[in-house]
Amino acid sequence: MNTYKHLDLSNNQLTIDCKDIILREYKVEDLDEMVAITHEPEVIEFLPDWNAPKEQRLDWLVHYEIAENSSF
């Protein structure tokens, strides 16, 4: 069974399109949507540490990559 509809490896970024959801690395352009989702009451209830200010989210998006990840 094929688990993906489309696999895109262009621009050295893995993107898996499963019709109802697209899996890919976060981008800085995702900041506003990420902040909105992480401030939803349903998310805060189960993941209270995710309720971070926009500036902290931006820092995480820009600096989340660590050298050890490149070994995968």
C-alpha atoms as a PDB file:
ATOM      1  CA  MET A   1       0.000   0.000   0.000  1.00  0.00           C
ATOM      2  CA  ASN A   2       1.354   3.395  -0.991  1.00  0.00           C
ATOM      3  CA  THR A   3       1.320   5.731   2.035  1.00  0.00           C
ATOM      4  CA  TYR A   4       1.905   8.931   0.085  1.00  0.00           C
ATOM      5  CA  LYS A   5       0.317  10.585  -2.858  1.00  0.00           C
ATOM      6  CA  HIS A   6       3.316  12.688  -3.862  1.00  0.00           C
ATOM      7  CA  LEU A   7       6.929  12.767  -2.701  1.00  0.00           C
ATOM      8  CA  ASP A   8       8.859  15.922  -3.569  1.00  0.00           C
ATOM      9  CA  LEU A   9      12.613  16.073  -2.993  1.00  0.00           C
ATOM     10  CA  SER A  10      13.217  19.352  -4.823  1.00  0.00           C
ATOM     11  CA  ASN A  11      15.283  22.053  -3.134  1.00  0.00           C
ATOM     12  CA  ASN A  12      16.750  19.435  -0.777  1.00  0.00           C
ATOM     13  CA  GLN A  13      13.541  19.448   1.241  1.00  0.00           C
ATOM     14  CA  LEU A  14      11.511  16.313   1.830  1.00  0.00           C
ATOM     15  CA  THR A  15       7.791  16.876   1.352  1.00  0.00           C
ATOM     16  CA  ILE A  16       5.226  14.102   1.656  1.00  0.00           C
ATOM     17  CA  ASP A  17       1.718  14.935   0.426  1.00  0.00           C
ATOM     18  CA  CYS A  18      -0.859  12.529   1.874  1.00  0.00           C
ATOM     19  CA  LYS A  19      -3.905  14.337   0.439  1.00  0.00           C
ATOM     20  CA  ASP A  20      -5.322  15.416   3.812  1.00  0.00           C
ATOM     21  CA  ILE A  21      -1.984  16.434   5.295  1.00  0.00           C
ATOM     22  CA  ILE A  22       1.380  17.610   3.995  1.00  0.00           C
ATOM     23  CA  LEU A  23       4.467  16.622   5.953  1.00  0.00           C
ATOM     24  CA  ARG A  24       7.553  18.814   5.629  1.00  0.00           C
ATOM     25  CA  GLU A  25      10.008  20.797   7.699  1.00  0.00           C
ATOM     26  CA  TYR A  26       8.784  24.010   9.253  1.00  0.00           C
ATOM     27  CA  LYS A  27       9.550  27.265   7.454  1.00  0.00           C
ATOM     28  CA  VAL A  28       9.790  30.790   8.865  1.00  0.00           C
ATOM     29  CA  GLU A  29       6.724  31.560   6.733  1.00  0.00           C
ATOM     30  CA  ASP A  30       4.783  29.141   8.985  1.00  0.00           C
ATOM     31  CA  LEU A  31       5.267  31.344  12.068  1.00  0.00           C
ATOM     32  CA  ASP A  32       1.838  33.014  12.194  1.00  0.00           C
ATOM     33  CA  GLU A  33      -0.017  29.740  11.664  1.00  0.00           C
ATOM     34  CA  MET A  34       2.158  27.957  14.232  1.00  0.00           C
ATOM     35  CA  VAL A  35       1.520  30.645  16.838  1.00  0.00           C
ATOM     36  CA  ALA A  36      -2.217  30.532  16.144  1.00  0.00           C
ATOM     37  CA  ILE A  37      -2.389  26.750  16.474  1.00  0.00           C
ATOM     38  CA  THR A  38      -0.274  26.608  19.635  1.00  0.00           C
ATOM     39  CA  HIS A  39      -2.513  29.217  21.295  1.00  0.00           C
ATOM     40  CA  GLU A  40      -5.669  27.164  20.734  1.00  0.00           C
ATOM     41  CA  PRO A  41      -7.253  26.082  24.056  1.00  0.00           C
ATOM     42  CA  GLU A  42      -7.272  22.424  22.990  1.00  0.00           C
ATOM     43  CA  VAL A  43      -3.515  22.496  22.384  1.00  0.00           C
ATOM     44  CA  ILE A  44      -2.726  24.461  25.554  1.00  0.00           C
ATOM     45  CA  GLU A  45      -4.741  21.990  27.624  1.00  0.00           C
ATOM     46  CA  PHE A  46      -2.549  19.039  26.645  1.00  0.00           C
ATOM     47  CA  LEU A  47       0.695  20.823  25.695  1.00  0.00           C
ATOM     48  CA  PRO A  48       0.930  23.871  27.999  1.00  0.00           C
ATOM     49  CA  ASP A  49       4.628  24.417  27.261  1.00  0.00           C
ATOM     50  CA  TRP A  50       3.753  25.048  23.617  1.00  0.00           C
ATOM     51  CA  ASN A  51       2.030  28.322  24.606  1.00  0.00           C
ATOM     52  CA  ALA A  52       5.095  30.442  23.812  1.00  0.00           C
ATOM     53  CA  PRO A  53       5.363  34.049  22.621  1.00  0.00           C
ATOM     54  CA  LYS A  54       5.729  34.690  18.890  1.00  0.00           C
ATOM     55  CA  GLU A  55       9.330  35.880  19.346  1.00  0.00           C
ATOM     56  CA  GLN A  56      10.268  32.591  21.038  1.00  0.00           C
ATOM     57  CA  ARG A  57       8.617  30.597  18.248  1.00  0.00           C
ATOM     58  CA  LEU A  58      10.549  32.603  15.656  1.00  0.00           C
ATOM     59  CA  ASP A  59      13.818  31.900  17.459  1.00  0.00           C
ATOM     60  CA  TRP A  60      12.967  28.206  17.531  1.00  0.00           C
ATOM     61  CA  LEU A  61      12.099  28.154  13.823  1.00  0.00           C
ATOM     62  CA  VAL A  62      15.342  29.878  12.873  1.00  0.00           C
ATOM     63  CA  HIS A  63      17.658  27.967  15.234  1.00  0.00           C
ATOM     64  CA  TYR A  64      16.043  24.544  15.723  1.00  0.00           C
ATOM     65  CA  GLU A  65      18.454  22.681  13.448  1.00  0.00           C
ATOM     66  CA  ILE A  66      21.374  21.079  15.229  1.00  0.00           C
ATOM     67  CA  ALA A  67      24.499  19.665  13.641  1.00  0.00           C
ATOM     68  CA  GLU A  68      23.709  16.122  14.770  1.00  0.00           C
ATOM     69  CA  ASN A  69      20.564  16.084  12.596  1.00  0.00           C
ATOM     70  CA  SER A  70      22.645  16.108   9.415  1.00  0.00           C
ATOM     71  CA  SER A  71      23.937  12.628  10.247  1.00  0.00           C
ATOM     72  CA  PHE A  72      20.547  11.094   9.416  1.00  0.00           C
END
